[in-house]
Amino acid sequence: MVTISSLKVRHGSRTAYNYYNCRCKKCRAGHALRAKQYRARKKEQILTDNPPHGELSTYNNYGCRCEPCREVKKASRKKGGMQ
């Protein structure tokens, strides 16, 4: 059996976290930083793209949480999934 400790894996990298499922402090910190950067890019994208609000795709793809988008998501859950 191959373990992560027997391989030359760069800790803190996306590969170590996702492929090798390493959860050491360095890998978790790298993953948290990438997730934070991703959320910031998505938030900026909402401001620059001006997506249509009140659509499920805007809630899912842009991460918009305005009232119309939340209501559409809420309705889709009641309906039983994606529209």
Protein backbone atom coordinates (compact mmCIF):
# COMPACT_ATOMS: atom_id res chain seq x y z
CA MET A 1 0.00 0.00 0.00
CA VAL A 2 1.32 3.44 -0.94
CA THR A 3 1.00 6.09 1.72
CA ILE A 4 1.44 9.82 1.41
CA SER A 5 4.44 9.70 3.73
CA SER A 6 6.28 7.40 1.30
CA LEU A 7 5.74 9.78 -1.64
CA LYS A 8 7.30 13.13 -2.45
CA VAL A 9 4.15 15.20 -2.11
CA ARG A 10 4.30 18.99 -1.87
CA HIS A 11 2.18 19.74 1.19
CA GLY A 12 -0.11 22.73 0.85
CA SER A 13 -0.76 21.94 -2.81
CA ARG A 14 -4.12 21.20 -4.39
CA THR A 15 -2.91 17.70 -5.33
CA ALA A 16 -1.92 16.78 -1.78
CA TYR A 17 -5.28 17.92 -0.41
CA ASN A 18 -7.60 16.62 -3.14
CA TYR A 19 -5.86 13.57 -4.61
CA TYR A 20 -3.98 12.26 -1.58
CA ASN A 21 -6.57 13.47 0.97
CA CYS A 22 -3.85 14.94 3.15
CA ARG A 23 -5.27 16.98 6.01
CA CYS A 24 -2.10 18.20 7.66
CA LYS A 25 -2.00 21.84 8.80
CA LYS A 26 -0.16 23.00 5.68
CA CYS A 27 -2.62 21.27 3.30
CA ARG A 28 -5.68 22.55 5.17
CA ALA A 29 -4.27 26.08 5.19
CA GLY A 30 -3.57 25.91 1.44
CA HIS A 31 -7.07 24.63 0.76
CA ALA A 32 -8.63 27.34 2.95
CA LEU A 33 -6.65 30.03 1.14
CA ARG A 34 -7.71 28.74 -2.30
CA ALA A 35 -11.35 28.56 -1.17
CA LYS A 36 -11.18 32.13 0.16
CA GLN A 37 -9.68 33.34 -3.14
CA TYR A 38 -12.37 31.47 -5.09
CA ARG A 39 -15.16 33.08 -3.06
CA ALA A 40 -13.61 36.52 -3.59
CA ARG A 41 -13.43 35.93 -7.37
CA LYS A 42 -17.07 34.81 -7.45
CA LYS A 43 -18.15 37.85 -5.43
CA GLU A 44 -16.27 40.14 -7.82
CA GLN A 45 -17.83 38.32 -10.76
CA ILE A 46 -21.32 39.12 -9.46
CA LEU A 47 -20.42 42.82 -9.47
CA THR A 48 -18.83 42.84 -12.93
CA ASP A 49 -21.11 40.40 -14.81
CA ASN A 50 -24.39 41.77 -13.45
CA PRO A 51 -26.18 38.40 -13.58
CA PRO A 52 -29.99 38.19 -13.68
CA HIS A 53 -31.31 37.89 -10.13
CA GLY A 54 -34.15 35.61 -9.14
CA GLU A 55 -32.78 32.65 -11.12
CA LEU A 56 -31.50 29.39 -9.72
CA SER A 57 -28.39 29.56 -11.89
CA THR A 58 -27.42 32.89 -10.34
CA TYR A 59 -27.76 31.38 -6.86
CA ASN A 60 -25.73 28.28 -7.79
CA ASN A 61 -23.12 29.64 -10.20
CA TYR A 62 -22.48 33.10 -8.77
CA GLY A 63 -23.19 32.39 -5.12
CA CYS A 64 -25.65 35.28 -5.01
CA ARG A 65 -27.69 35.38 -1.82
CA CYS A 66 -29.97 38.34 -2.52
CA GLU A 67 -33.63 37.92 -1.55
CA PRO A 68 -34.95 36.99 -5.06
CA CYS A 69 -32.20 34.39 -5.57
CA ARG A 70 -32.76 32.88 -2.09
CA GLU A 71 -36.50 32.63 -2.77
CA VAL A 72 -35.90 30.76 -6.04
CA LYS A 73 -33.54 28.34 -4.25
CA LYS A 74 -36.08 27.84 -1.47
CA ALA A 75 -38.81 27.08 -4.04
CA SER A 76 -36.55 24.60 -5.84
CA ARG A 77 -35.93 22.70 -2.59
CA LYS A 78 -39.67 22.47 -1.95
CA LYS A 79 -40.18 21.27 -5.51
CA GLY A 80 -37.60 18.54 -4.99
CA GLY A 81 -34.34 19.61 -6.53
CA MET A 82 -33.00 21.48 -9.49
CA GLN A 83 -35.26 23.26 -11.90
